[in-house]
Amino acid sequence: DVDWLVSVDSTITRAHQHAAGARKKGQALQKRRSLGRSRGGLTTKIHLACDGHGRPLSFVVTGGNINDCTQFEQVLAQISVRRPG
């Protein structure tokens, strides 16, 4: 029973200064990084899609310096709802 009015938004969370202290091994780690530099320091951004009742349908975590519009399609592509039966 999903209310198909979908809202997509994001929020930024500051990361602790020691959150980026891990060693970097190869390019694979670079693609999965979810910390970014912004004016406020190290930040993480959570892009979230919710239904009309405020229940989360999908989310993507990126660095705080990633623009919202570049992640919009990825957030919507991850929405999946089980069909009864």
PDB file of N, CA and C in Angstrom:
ATOM      1  N   ASP A   1       0.841  -1.182   0.000  1.00  0.00           N
ATOM      2  CA  ASP A   1       0.000   0.000   0.000  1.00  0.00           C
ATOM      3  C   ASP A   1       0.888   1.248   0.000  1.00  0.00           C
ATOM      4  N   VAL A   2       1.371   1.617  -1.171  1.00  0.00           N
ATOM      5  CA  VAL A   2       2.274   2.753  -1.297  1.00  0.00           C
ATOM      6  C   VAL A   2       1.517   3.927  -1.901  1.00  0.00           C
ATOM      7  N   ASP A   3       1.624   5.076  -1.256  1.00  0.00           N
ATOM      8  CA  ASP A   3       1.083   6.305  -1.821  1.00  0.00           C
ATOM      9  C   ASP A   3       2.115   6.806  -2.825  1.00  0.00           C
ATOM     10  N   TRP A   4       1.798   6.793  -4.113  1.00  0.00           N
ATOM     11  CA  TRP A   4       2.790   7.037  -5.155  1.00  0.00           C
ATOM     12  C   TRP A   4       3.115   8.495  -5.384  1.00  0.00           C
ATOM     13  N   LEU A   5       2.775   9.355  -4.453  1.00  0.00           N
ATOM     14  CA  LEU A   5       3.285  10.715  -4.482  1.00  0.00           C
ATOM     15  C   LEU A   5       4.703  10.628  -3.933  1.00  0.00           C
ATOM     16  N   VAL A   6       5.718  10.811  -4.786  1.00  0.00           N
ATOM     17  CA  VAL A   6       7.115  10.604  -4.392  1.00  0.00           C
ATOM     18  C   VAL A   6       7.810  11.950  -4.225  1.00  0.00           C
ATOM     19  N   SER A   7       8.521  12.085  -3.111  1.00  0.00           N
ATOM     20  CA  SER A   7       9.298  13.279  -2.823  1.00  0.00           C
ATOM     21  C   SER A   7      10.771  12.906  -2.767  1.00  0.00           C
ATOM     22  N   VAL A   8      11.619  13.677  -3.436  1.00  0.00           N
ATOM     23  CA  VAL A   8      13.060  13.424  -3.450  1.00  0.00           C
ATOM     24  C   VAL A   8      13.761  14.653  -2.888  1.00  0.00           C
ATOM     25  N   ASP A   9      14.639  14.432  -1.912  1.00  0.00           N
ATOM     26  CA  ASP A   9      15.381  15.527  -1.307  1.00  0.00           C
ATOM     27  C   ASP A   9      16.706  14.993  -0.791  1.00  0.00           C
ATOM     28  N   SER A  10      17.557  15.880  -0.305  1.00  0.00           N
ATOM     29  CA  SER A  10      18.839  15.441   0.249  1.00  0.00           C
ATOM     30  C   SER A  10      19.155  16.262   1.481  1.00  0.00           C
ATOM     31  N   THR A  11      20.058  15.738   2.285  1.00  0.00           N
ATOM     32  CA  THR A  11      20.536  16.447   3.456  1.00  0.00           C
ATOM     33  C   THR A  11      22.034  16.218   3.585  1.00  0.00           C
ATOM     34  N   ILE A  12      22.714  17.175   4.157  1.00  0.00           N
ATOM     35  CA  ILE A  12      24.167  17.091   4.318  1.00  0.00           C
ATOM     36  C   ILE A  12      24.490  16.875   5.789  1.00  0.00           C
ATOM     37  N   THR A  13      25.429  15.969   6.051  1.00  0.00           N
ATOM     38  CA  THR A  13      25.871  15.667   7.404  1.00  0.00           C
ATOM     39  C   THR A  13      27.374  15.879   7.479  1.00  0.00           C
ATOM     40  N   ARG A  14      27.823  16.567   8.497  1.00  0.00           N
ATOM     41  CA  ARG A  14      29.262  16.766   8.674  1.00  0.00           C
ATOM     42  C   ARG A  14      29.893  15.497   9.208  1.00  0.00           C
ATOM     43  N   ALA A  15      31.069  15.195   8.708  1.00  0.00           N
ATOM     44  CA  ALA A  15      31.817  14.014   9.142  1.00  0.00           C
ATOM     45  C   ALA A  15      32.909  14.446  10.120  1.00  0.00           C
ATOM     46  N   HIS A  16      33.263  13.533  11.001  1.00  0.00           N
ATOM     47  CA  HIS A  16      34.340  13.807  11.948  1.00  0.00           C
ATOM     48  C   HIS A  16      35.656  13.896  11.195  1.00  0.00           C
ATOM     49  N   GLN A  17      36.600  14.646  11.721  1.00  0.00           N
ATOM     50  CA  GLN A  17      37.870  14.846  11.024  1.00  0.00           C
ATOM     51  C   GLN A  17      38.654  13.558  10.845  1.00  0.00           C
ATOM     52  N   HIS A  18      38.423  12.551  11.678  1.00  0.00           N
ATOM     53  CA  HIS A  18      39.130  11.286  11.547  1.00  0.00           C
ATOM     54  C   HIS A  18      38.413  10.297  10.625  1.00  0.00           C
ATOM     55  N   ALA A  19      37.284  10.675  10.066  1.00  0.00           N
ATOM     56  CA  ALA A  19      36.520   9.766   9.201  1.00  0.00           C
ATOM     57  C   ALA A  19      37.241   9.463   7.897  1.00  0.00           C
ATOM     58  N   ALA A  20      38.137  10.318   7.468  1.00  0.00           N
ATOM     59  CA  ALA A  20      38.832  10.123   6.195  1.00  0.00           C
ATOM     60  C   ALA A  20      40.254   9.615   6.392  1.00  0.00           C
ATOM     61  N   GLY A  21      40.536   9.018   7.524  1.00  0.00           N
ATOM     62  CA  GLY A  21      41.900   8.614   7.825  1.00  0.00           C
ATOM     63  C   GLY A  21      42.335   7.281   7.264  1.00  0.00           C
ATOM     64  N   ALA A  22      41.463   6.534   6.583  1.00  0.00           N
ATOM     65  CA  ALA A  22      41.812   5.212   6.056  1.00  0.00           C
ATOM     66  C   ALA A  22      42.787   5.331   4.891  1.00  0.00           C
ATOM     67  N   ARG A  23      43.613   4.318   4.720  1.00  0.00           N
ATOM     68  CA  ARG A  23      44.533   4.301   3.581  1.00  0.00           C
ATOM     69  C   ARG A  23      43.754   4.124   2.285  1.00  0.00           C
ATOM     70  N   LYS A  24      44.229   4.731   1.245  1.00  0.00           N
ATOM     71  CA  LYS A  24      43.569   4.647  -0.054  1.00  0.00           C
ATOM     72  C   LYS A  24      44.293   3.626  -0.915  1.00  0.00           C
ATOM     73  N   LYS A  25      43.569   2.580  -1.323  1.00  0.00           N
ATOM     74  CA  LYS A  25      44.156   1.511  -2.131  1.00  0.00           C
ATOM     75  C   LYS A  25      43.419   1.410  -3.460  1.00  0.00           C
ATOM     76  N   GLY A  26      43.972   1.966  -4.501  1.00  0.00           N
ATOM     77  CA  GLY A  26      43.419   1.805  -5.846  1.00  0.00           C
ATOM     78  C   GLY A  26      42.239   2.702  -6.140  1.00  0.00           C
ATOM     79  N   GLN A  27      41.776   2.611  -7.364  1.00  0.00           N
ATOM     80  CA  GLN A  27      40.670   3.432  -7.834  1.00  0.00           C
ATOM     81  C   GLN A  27      39.321   2.932  -7.369  1.00  0.00           C
ATOM     82  N   ALA A  28      39.207   1.642  -7.027  1.00  0.00           N
ATOM     83  CA  ALA A  28      37.914   1.107  -6.599  1.00  0.00           C
ATOM     84  C   ALA A  28      37.429   1.826  -5.348  1.00  0.00           C
ATOM     85  N   LEU A  29      38.338   2.148  -4.449  1.00  0.00           N
ATOM     86  CA  LEU A  29      37.963   2.871  -3.245  1.00  0.00           C
ATOM     87  C   LEU A  29      37.502   4.287  -3.580  1.00  0.00           C
ATOM     88  N   GLN A  30      38.115   4.894  -4.565  1.00  0.00           N
ATOM     89  CA  GLN A  30      37.753   6.254  -4.947  1.00  0.00           C
ATOM     90  C   GLN A  30      36.302   6.327  -5.429  1.00  0.00           C
ATOM     91  N   LYS A  31      35.821   5.313  -6.126  1.00  0.00           N
ATOM     92  CA  LYS A  31      34.452   5.333  -6.653  1.00  0.00           C
ATOM     93  C   LYS A  31      33.420   5.194  -5.545  1.00  0.00           C
ATOM     94  N   ARG A  32      33.759   4.505  -4.453  1.00  0.00           N
ATOM     95  CA  ARG A  32      32.805   4.278  -3.386  1.00  0.00           C
ATOM     96  C   ARG A  32      32.866   5.336  -2.298  1.00  0.00           C
ATOM     97  N   ARG A  33      33.728   6.296  -2.420  1.00  0.00           N
ATOM     98  CA  ARG A  33      33.915   7.293  -1.370  1.00  0.00           C
ATOM     99  C   ARG A  33      32.631   8.082  -1.163  1.00  0.00           C
ATOM    100  N   SER A  34      32.252   8.220   0.092  1.00  0.00           N
ATOM    101  CA  SER A  34      31.052   8.990   0.393  1.00  0.00           C
ATOM    102  C   SER A  34      31.374  10.177   1.290  1.00  0.00           C
ATOM    103  N   LEU A  35      32.615  10.653   1.210  1.00  0.00           N
ATOM    104  CA  LEU A  35      33.007  11.884   1.892  1.00  0.00           C
ATOM    105  C   LEU A  35      33.445  12.884   0.844  1.00  0.00           C
ATOM    106  N   GLY A  36      33.041  14.105   1.015  1.00  0.00           N
ATOM    107  CA  GLY A  36      33.440  15.137   0.082  1.00  0.00           C
ATOM    108  C   GLY A  36      33.833  16.397   0.824  1.00  0.00           C
ATOM    109  N   ARG A  37      34.610  17.211   0.195  1.00  0.00           N
ATOM    110  CA  ARG A  37      35.024  18.479   0.794  1.00  0.00           C
ATOM    111  C   ARG A  37      34.070  19.582   0.356  1.00  0.00           C
ATOM    112  N   SER A  38      33.659  20.388   1.302  1.00  0.00           N
ATOM    113  CA  SER A  38      32.846  21.554   1.011  1.00  0.00           C
ATOM    114  C   SER A  38      33.307  22.675   1.929  1.00  0.00           C
ATOM    115  N   ARG A  39      32.594  23.779   1.945  1.00  0.00           N
ATOM    116  CA  ARG A  39      32.994  24.900   2.793  1.00  0.00           C
ATOM    117  C   ARG A  39      33.033  24.513   4.269  1.00  0.00           C
ATOM    118  N   GLY A  40      32.148  23.622   4.668  1.00  0.00           N
ATOM    119  CA  GLY A  40      32.064  23.216   6.063  1.00  0.00           C
ATOM    120  C   GLY A  40      33.046  22.133   6.450  1.00  0.00           C
ATOM    121  N   GLY A  41      33.889  21.693   5.531  1.00  0.00           N
ATOM    122  CA  GLY A  41      34.845  20.619   5.825  1.00  0.00           C
ATOM    123  C   GLY A  41      34.396  19.326   5.170  1.00  0.00           C
ATOM    124  N   LEU A  42      34.673  18.192   5.821  1.00  0.00           N
ATOM    125  CA  LEU A  42      34.269  16.894   5.291  1.00  0.00           C
ATOM    126  C   LEU A  42      32.775  16.684   5.525  1.00  0.00           C
ATOM    127  N   THR A  43      32.047  16.350   4.453  1.00  0.00           N
ATOM    128  CA  THR A  43      30.608  16.152   4.569  1.00  0.00           C
ATOM    129  C   THR A  43      30.167  14.940   3.759  1.00  0.00           C
ATOM    130  N   THR A  44      29.017  14.409   4.144  1.00  0.00           N
ATOM    131  CA  THR A  44      28.351  13.318   3.441  1.00  0.00           C
ATOM    132  C   THR A  44      26.947  13.783   3.105  1.00  0.00           C
ATOM    133  N   LYS A  45      26.456  13.415   1.928  1.00  0.00           N
ATOM    134  CA  LYS A  45      25.103  13.808   1.525  1.00  0.00           C
ATOM    135  C   LYS A  45      24.263  12.556   1.322  1.00  0.00           C
ATOM    136  N   ILE A  46      23.057  12.581   1.879  1.00  0.00           N
ATOM    137  CA  ILE A  46      22.112  11.472   1.732  1.00  0.00           C
ATOM    138  C   ILE A  46      20.980  11.951   0.830  1.00  0.00           C
ATOM    139  N   HIS A  47      20.824  11.313  -0.332  1.00  0.00           N
ATOM    140  CA  HIS A  47      19.751  11.611  -1.287  1.00  0.00           C
ATOM    141  C   HIS A  47      18.663  10.565  -1.032  1.00  0.00           C
ATOM    142  N   LEU A  48      17.430  10.991  -0.756  1.00  0.00           N
ATOM    143  CA  LEU A  48      16.376  10.091  -0.310  1.00  0.00           C
ATOM    144  C   LEU A  48      15.092  10.319  -1.096  1.00  0.00           C
ATOM    145  N   ALA A  49      14.410   9.229  -1.435  1.00  0.00           N
ATOM    146  CA  ALA A  49      13.079   9.301  -2.043  1.00  0.00           C
ATOM    147  C   ALA A  49      12.087   8.684  -1.073  1.00  0.00           C
ATOM    148  N   CYS A  50      10.984   9.400  -0.802  1.00  0.00           N
ATOM    149  CA  CYS A  50       9.946   8.928   0.123  1.00  0.00           C
ATOM    150  C   CYS A  50       8.598   8.916  -0.586  1.00  0.00           C
ATOM    151  N   ASP A  51       7.698   8.057  -0.081  1.00  0.00           N
ATOM    152  CA  ASP A  51       6.338   8.055  -0.625  1.00  0.00           C
ATOM    153  C   ASP A  51       5.516   9.140   0.062  1.00  0.00           C
ATOM    154  N   GLY A  52       4.236   9.213  -0.246  1.00  0.00           N
ATOM    155  CA  GLY A  52       3.360  10.255   0.292  1.00  0.00           C
ATOM    156  C   GLY A  52       3.166  10.202   1.783  1.00  0.00           C
ATOM    157  N   HIS A  53       3.474   9.058   2.412  1.00  0.00           N
ATOM    158  CA  HIS A  53       3.344   8.918   3.863  1.00  0.00           C
ATOM    159  C   HIS A  53       4.671   9.156   4.574  1.00  0.00           C
ATOM    160  N   GLY A  54       5.720   9.531   3.839  1.00  0.00           N
ATOM    161  CA  GLY A  54       7.024   9.793   4.436  1.00  0.00           C
ATOM    162  C   GLY A  54       7.871   8.553   4.645  1.00  0.00           C
ATOM    163  N   ARG A  55       7.467   7.419   4.075  1.00  0.00           N
ATOM    164  CA  ARG A  55       8.246   6.185   4.212  1.00  0.00           C
ATOM    165  C   ARG A  55       9.322   6.146   3.135  1.00  0.00           C
ATOM    166  N   PRO A  56      10.571   5.817   3.520  1.00  0.00           N
ATOM    167  CA  PRO A  56      11.657   5.807   2.531  1.00  0.00           C
ATOM    168  C   PRO A  56      11.478   4.714   1.481  1.00  0.00           C
ATOM    169  N   LEU A  57      11.730   5.065   0.232  1.00  0.00           N
ATOM    170  CA  LEU A  57      11.669   4.106  -0.873  1.00  0.00           C
ATOM    171  C   LEU A  57      13.067   3.746  -1.365  1.00  0.00           C
ATOM    172  N   SER A  58      13.988   4.705  -1.396  1.00  0.00           N
ATOM    173  CA  SER A  58      15.366   4.445  -1.799  1.00  0.00           C
ATOM    174  C   SER A  58      16.246   5.589  -1.315  1.00  0.00           C
ATOM    175  N   PHE A  59      17.559   5.314  -1.265  1.00  0.00           N
ATOM    176  CA  PHE A  59      18.493   6.367  -0.899  1.00  0.00           C
ATOM    177  C   PHE A  59      19.852   6.087  -1.515  1.00  0.00           C
ATOM    178  N   VAL A  60      20.633   7.144  -1.688  1.00  0.00           N
ATOM    179  CA  VAL A  60      22.001   7.078  -2.206  1.00  0.00           C
ATOM    180  C   VAL A  60      22.852   7.964  -1.302  1.00  0.00           C
ATOM    181  N   VAL A  61      24.019   7.470  -0.899  1.00  0.00           N
ATOM    182  CA  VAL A  61      24.939   8.242  -0.073  1.00  0.00           C
ATOM    183  C   VAL A  61      26.135   8.652  -0.932  1.00  0.00           C
ATOM    184  N   THR A  62      26.425   9.955  -0.960  1.00  0.00           N
ATOM    185  CA  THR A  62      27.536  10.478  -1.750  1.00  0.00           C
ATOM    186  C   THR A  62      28.336  11.456  -0.903  1.00  0.00           C
ATOM    187  N   GLY A  63      29.404  11.961  -1.472  1.00  0.00           N
ATOM    188  CA  GLY A  63      30.147  13.033  -0.825  1.00  0.00           C
ATOM    189  C   GLY A  63      29.312  14.298  -0.803  1.00  0.00           C
ATOM    190  N   GLY A  64      29.570  15.153   0.159  1.00  0.00           N
ATOM    191  CA  GLY A  64      28.775  16.370   0.310  1.00  0.00           C
ATOM    192  C   GLY A  64      28.923  17.362  -0.820  1.00  0.00           C
ATOM    193  N   ASN A  65      29.950  17.214  -1.634  1.00  0.00           N
ATOM    194  CA  ASN A  65      30.164  18.140  -2.737  1.00  0.00           C
ATOM    195  C   ASN A  65      29.477  17.699  -4.028  1.00  0.00           C
ATOM    196  N   ILE A  66      28.738  16.603  -4.007  1.00  0.00           N
ATOM    197  CA  ILE A  66      28.035  16.097  -5.194  1.00  0.00           C
ATOM    198  C   ILE A  66      26.690  16.817  -5.331  1.00  0.00           C
ATOM    199  N   ASN A  67      26.392  17.277  -6.534  1.00  0.00           N
ATOM    200  CA  ASN A  67      25.167  18.011  -6.796  1.00  0.00           C
ATOM    201  C   ASN A  67      23.944  17.085  -6.758  1.00  0.00           C
ATOM    202  N   ASP A  68      22.815  17.594  -6.270  1.00  0.00           N
ATOM    203  CA  ASP A  68      21.589  16.807  -6.151  1.00  0.00           C
ATOM    204  C   ASP A  68      21.077  16.313  -7.501  1.00  0.00           C
ATOM    205  N   CYS A  69      21.123  17.176  -8.510  1.00  0.00           N
ATOM    206  CA  CYS A  69      20.533  16.819  -9.800  1.00  0.00           C
ATOM    207  C   CYS A  69      21.294  15.682 -10.485  1.00  0.00           C
ATOM    208  N   THR A  70      22.559  15.467 -10.147  1.00  0.00           N
ATOM    209  CA  THR A  70      23.311  14.379 -10.769  1.00  0.00           C
ATOM    210  C   THR A  70      22.929  13.017 -10.186  1.00  0.00           C
ATOM    211  N   GLN A  71      22.309  12.983  -9.034  1.00  0.00           N
ATOM    212  CA  GLN A  71      21.943  11.724  -8.379  1.00  0.00           C
ATOM    213  C   GLN A  71      20.452  11.410  -8.483  1.00  0.00           C
ATOM    214  N   PHE A  72      19.669  12.319  -9.041  1.00  0.00           N
ATOM    215  CA  PHE A  72      18.216  12.161  -9.106  1.00  0.00           C
ATOM    216  C   PHE A  72      17.799  10.874  -9.812  1.00  0.00           C
ATOM    217  N   GLU A  73      18.369  10.607 -10.981  1.00  0.00           N
ATOM    218  CA  GLU A  73      18.002   9.409 -11.732  1.00  0.00           C
ATOM    219  C   GLU A  73      18.389   8.137 -10.988  1.00  0.00           C
ATOM    220  N   GLN A  74      19.540   8.148 -10.329  1.00  0.00           N
ATOM    221  CA  GLN A  74      19.984   6.964  -9.586  1.00  0.00           C
ATOM    222  C   GLN A  74      19.058   6.677  -8.406  1.00  0.00           C
ATOM    223  N   VAL A  75      18.603   7.715  -7.709  1.00  0.00           N
ATOM    224  CA  VAL A  75      17.680   7.529  -6.590  1.00  0.00           C
ATOM    225  C   VAL A  75      16.368   6.928  -7.090  1.00  0.00           C
ATOM    226  N   LEU A  76      15.832   7.458  -8.180  1.00  0.00           N
ATOM    227  CA  LEU A  76      14.568   6.938  -8.709  1.00  0.00           C
ATOM    228  C   LEU A  76      14.725   5.527  -9.266  1.00  0.00           C
ATOM    229  N   ALA A  77      15.878   5.206  -9.853  1.00  0.00           N
ATOM    230  CA  ALA A  77      16.098   3.880 -10.420  1.00  0.00           C
ATOM    231  C   ALA A  77      16.146   2.790  -9.344  1.00  0.00           C
ATOM    232  N   GLN A  78      16.475   3.158  -8.122  1.00  0.00           N
ATOM    233  CA  GLN A  78      16.567   2.168  -7.049  1.00  0.00           C
ATOM    234  C   GLN A  78      15.239   1.870  -6.366  1.00  0.00           C
ATOM    235  N   ILE A  79      14.191   2.582  -6.726  1.00  0.00           N
ATOM    236  CA  ILE A  79      12.893   2.329  -6.090  1.00  0.00           C
ATOM    237  C   ILE A  79      12.358   1.010  -6.590  1.00  0.00           C
ATOM    238  N   SER A  80      12.058   0.123  -5.648  1.00  0.00           N
ATOM    239  CA  SER A  80      11.407  -1.138  -5.994  1.00  0.00           C
ATOM    240  C   SER A  80      10.419  -1.479  -4.889  1.00  0.00           C
ATOM    241  N   VAL A  81       9.234  -1.865  -5.297  1.00  0.00           N
ATOM    242  CA  VAL A  81       8.176  -2.214  -4.360  1.00  0.00           C
ATOM    243  C   VAL A  81       7.693  -3.612  -4.697  1.00  0.00           C
ATOM    244  N   ARG A  82       7.684  -4.487  -3.697  1.00  0.00           N
ATOM    245  CA  ARG A  82       7.197  -5.862  -3.914  1.00  0.00           C
ATOM    246  C   ARG A  82       5.714  -5.862  -4.218  1.00  0.00           C
ATOM    247  N   ARG A  83       5.371  -6.674  -5.160  1.00  0.00           N
ATOM    248  CA  ARG A  83       3.951  -6.840  -5.475  1.00  0.00           C
ATOM    249  C   ARG A  83       3.397  -7.997  -4.661  1.00  0.00           C
ATOM    250  N   PRO A  84       2.193  -7.855  -4.143  1.00  0.00           N
ATOM    251  CA  PRO A  84       1.622  -8.962  -3.373  1.00  0.00           C
ATOM    252  C   PRO A  84       1.374 -10.178  -4.258  1.00  0.00           C
ATOM    253  N   GLY A  85       1.661 -11.355  -3.718  1.00  0.00           N
ATOM    254  CA  GLY A  85       1.412 -12.591  -4.454  1.00  0.00           C
ATOM    255  C   GLY A  85       2.517 -12.912  -5.309  1.00  0.00           C
TER     256      GLY A  85
END
